[in-house]
Amino acid sequence: MRIKSTLNALIFPLLYMLVYEGIFKTILLPFIAAINAILIPIFPDVCSINVL
């Protein structure tokens, strides 16, 4: 049981990160890019922070 709990502790965060990264890259990244494209002329400082 100890090995199984250790595997769960390692595997589930990895799976969660992969799913989260997939969702983030497919949905949020274009959205953030669009927002930055709109805001760059208005607030250059804010957008340079967002890129970081």
N, C-alpha and C. Protein backbone atom coordinates (compact mmCIF):
# COMPACT_ATOMS: atom_id res chain seq x y z
N MET A 1 0.84 -1.20 0.00
CA MET A 1 0.00 0.00 0.00
C MET A 1 0.88 1.26 0.00
N ARG A 2 2.01 1.16 0.64
CA ARG A 2 2.91 2.32 0.71
C ARG A 2 3.38 2.72 -0.69
N ILE A 3 3.74 1.71 -1.50
CA ILE A 3 4.22 1.98 -2.86
C ILE A 3 3.10 2.60 -3.70
N LYS A 4 1.89 2.06 -3.53
CA LYS A 4 0.76 2.58 -4.31
C LYS A 4 0.49 4.05 -3.98
N SER A 5 0.52 4.40 -2.71
CA SER A 5 0.27 5.79 -2.33
C SER A 5 1.36 6.71 -2.86
N THR A 6 2.59 6.20 -2.89
CA THR A 6 3.69 6.99 -3.44
C THR A 6 3.50 7.21 -4.94
N LEU A 7 3.07 6.15 -5.64
CA LEU A 7 2.82 6.27 -7.07
C LEU A 7 1.69 7.27 -7.32
N ASN A 8 0.63 7.18 -6.53
CA ASN A 8 -0.47 8.13 -6.67
C ASN A 8 0.00 9.55 -6.45
N ALA A 9 0.86 9.74 -5.46
CA ALA A 9 1.37 11.08 -5.16
C ALA A 9 2.22 11.62 -6.31
N LEU A 10 2.87 10.72 -7.06
CA LEU A 10 3.71 11.17 -8.17
C LEU A 10 2.93 11.29 -9.48
N ILE A 11 2.07 10.30 -9.75
CA ILE A 11 1.43 10.22 -11.07
C ILE A 11 0.30 11.24 -11.21
N PHE A 12 -0.54 11.36 -10.17
CA PHE A 12 -1.70 12.24 -10.34
C PHE A 12 -1.35 13.71 -10.54
N PRO A 13 -0.39 14.24 -9.81
CA PRO A 13 0.03 15.63 -10.12
C PRO A 13 0.58 15.77 -11.53
N LEU A 14 1.30 14.75 -12.01
CA LEU A 14 1.82 14.81 -13.37
C LEU A 14 0.69 14.82 -14.39
N LEU A 15 -0.28 13.92 -14.21
CA LEU A 15 -1.43 13.88 -15.11
C LEU A 15 -2.19 15.20 -15.06
N TYR A 16 -2.39 15.70 -13.84
CA TYR A 16 -3.10 16.96 -13.68
C TYR A 16 -2.36 18.09 -14.39
N MET A 17 -1.05 18.12 -14.25
CA MET A 17 -0.25 19.16 -14.90
C MET A 17 -0.34 19.04 -16.43
N LEU A 18 -0.29 17.80 -16.94
CA LEU A 18 -0.38 17.61 -18.39
C LEU A 18 -1.73 18.10 -18.90
N VAL A 19 -2.80 17.72 -18.21
CA VAL A 19 -4.14 18.15 -18.62
C VAL A 19 -4.26 19.66 -18.53
N TYR A 20 -3.79 20.21 -17.40
CA TYR A 20 -3.87 21.65 -17.18
C TYR A 20 -3.06 22.40 -18.24
N GLU A 21 -1.86 21.90 -18.51
CA GLU A 21 -1.01 22.53 -19.52
C GLU A 21 -1.69 22.46 -20.89
N GLY A 22 -2.30 21.32 -21.21
CA GLY A 22 -2.99 21.17 -22.49
C GLY A 22 -4.13 22.17 -22.62
N ILE A 23 -4.93 22.28 -21.55
CA ILE A 23 -6.04 23.24 -21.56
C ILE A 23 -5.51 24.66 -21.66
N PHE A 24 -4.46 24.92 -20.89
CA PHE A 24 -3.89 26.27 -20.85
C PHE A 24 -3.37 26.67 -22.22
N LYS A 25 -2.62 25.75 -22.88
CA LYS A 25 -2.01 26.09 -24.16
C LYS A 25 -3.03 26.20 -25.27
N THR A 26 -4.10 25.38 -25.24
CA THR A 26 -5.07 25.39 -26.34
C THR A 26 -6.09 26.50 -26.19
N ILE A 27 -6.47 26.84 -24.94
CA ILE A 27 -7.56 27.80 -24.74
C ILE A 27 -7.04 29.14 -24.24
N LEU A 28 -6.29 29.12 -23.12
CA LEU A 28 -5.92 30.39 -22.50
C LEU A 28 -4.83 31.14 -23.24
N LEU A 29 -3.89 30.42 -23.84
CA LEU A 29 -2.76 31.10 -24.47
C LEU A 29 -3.20 31.99 -25.64
N PRO A 30 -4.04 31.50 -26.57
CA PRO A 30 -4.53 32.41 -27.62
C PRO A 30 -5.34 33.58 -27.04
N PHE A 31 -6.09 33.29 -25.96
CA PHE A 31 -6.89 34.34 -25.31
C PHE A 31 -5.98 35.42 -24.74
N ILE A 32 -4.92 34.99 -24.04
CA ILE A 32 -3.96 35.94 -23.47
C ILE A 32 -3.24 36.70 -24.58
N ALA A 33 -2.90 35.99 -25.66
CA ALA A 33 -2.23 36.65 -26.78
C ALA A 33 -3.13 37.73 -27.39
N ALA A 34 -4.42 37.43 -27.51
CA ALA A 34 -5.37 38.41 -28.06
C ALA A 34 -5.48 39.61 -27.13
N ILE A 35 -5.57 39.34 -25.83
CA ILE A 35 -5.66 40.44 -24.86
C ILE A 35 -4.40 41.30 -24.94
N ASN A 36 -3.23 40.65 -25.00
CA ASN A 36 -1.98 41.41 -25.09
C ASN A 36 -1.93 42.23 -26.37
N ALA A 37 -2.41 41.66 -27.48
CA ALA A 37 -2.41 42.39 -28.75
C ALA A 37 -3.29 43.63 -28.65
N ILE A 38 -4.37 43.55 -27.87
CA ILE A 38 -5.25 44.69 -27.70
C ILE A 38 -4.64 45.71 -26.73
N LEU A 39 -4.02 45.20 -25.66
CA LEU A 39 -3.56 46.08 -24.59
C LEU A 39 -2.18 46.69 -24.82
N ILE A 40 -1.36 46.07 -25.66
CA ILE A 40 0.01 46.57 -25.86
C ILE A 40 0.05 48.06 -26.24
N PRO A 41 -0.80 48.53 -27.16
CA PRO A 41 -0.77 49.97 -27.47
C PRO A 41 -1.22 50.84 -26.29
N ILE A 42 -2.06 50.27 -25.41
CA ILE A 42 -2.64 51.07 -24.33
C ILE A 42 -1.78 51.03 -23.07
N PHE A 43 -1.41 49.80 -22.64
CA PHE A 43 -0.62 49.62 -21.41
C PHE A 43 0.62 48.77 -21.69
N PRO A 44 1.68 49.36 -22.21
CA PRO A 44 2.86 48.56 -22.54
C PRO A 44 3.50 47.91 -21.31
N ASP A 45 3.48 48.59 -20.17
CA ASP A 45 4.12 48.05 -18.96
C ASP A 45 3.40 46.80 -18.46
N VAL A 46 2.08 46.85 -18.47
CA VAL A 46 1.29 45.70 -18.00
C VAL A 46 1.57 44.49 -18.88
N CYS A 47 1.64 44.70 -20.19
CA CYS A 47 1.83 43.58 -21.10
C CYS A 47 3.23 43.00 -21.01
N SER A 48 4.21 43.83 -20.76
CA SER A 48 5.56 43.29 -20.61
C SER A 48 5.64 42.43 -19.36
N ILE A 49 4.86 42.76 -18.32
CA ILE A 49 4.81 41.93 -17.11
C ILE A 49 4.09 40.62 -17.43
N ASN A 50 2.99 40.67 -18.21
CA ASN A 50 2.24 39.47 -18.56
C ASN A 50 3.10 38.48 -19.33
N VAL A 51 3.95 38.99 -20.22
CA VAL A 51 4.81 38.11 -21.02
C VAL A 51 5.77 37.35 -20.10
N LEU A 52 6.30 38.05 -19.08
CA LEU A 52 7.17 37.39 -18.11
C LEU A 52 6.35 36.40 -17.30
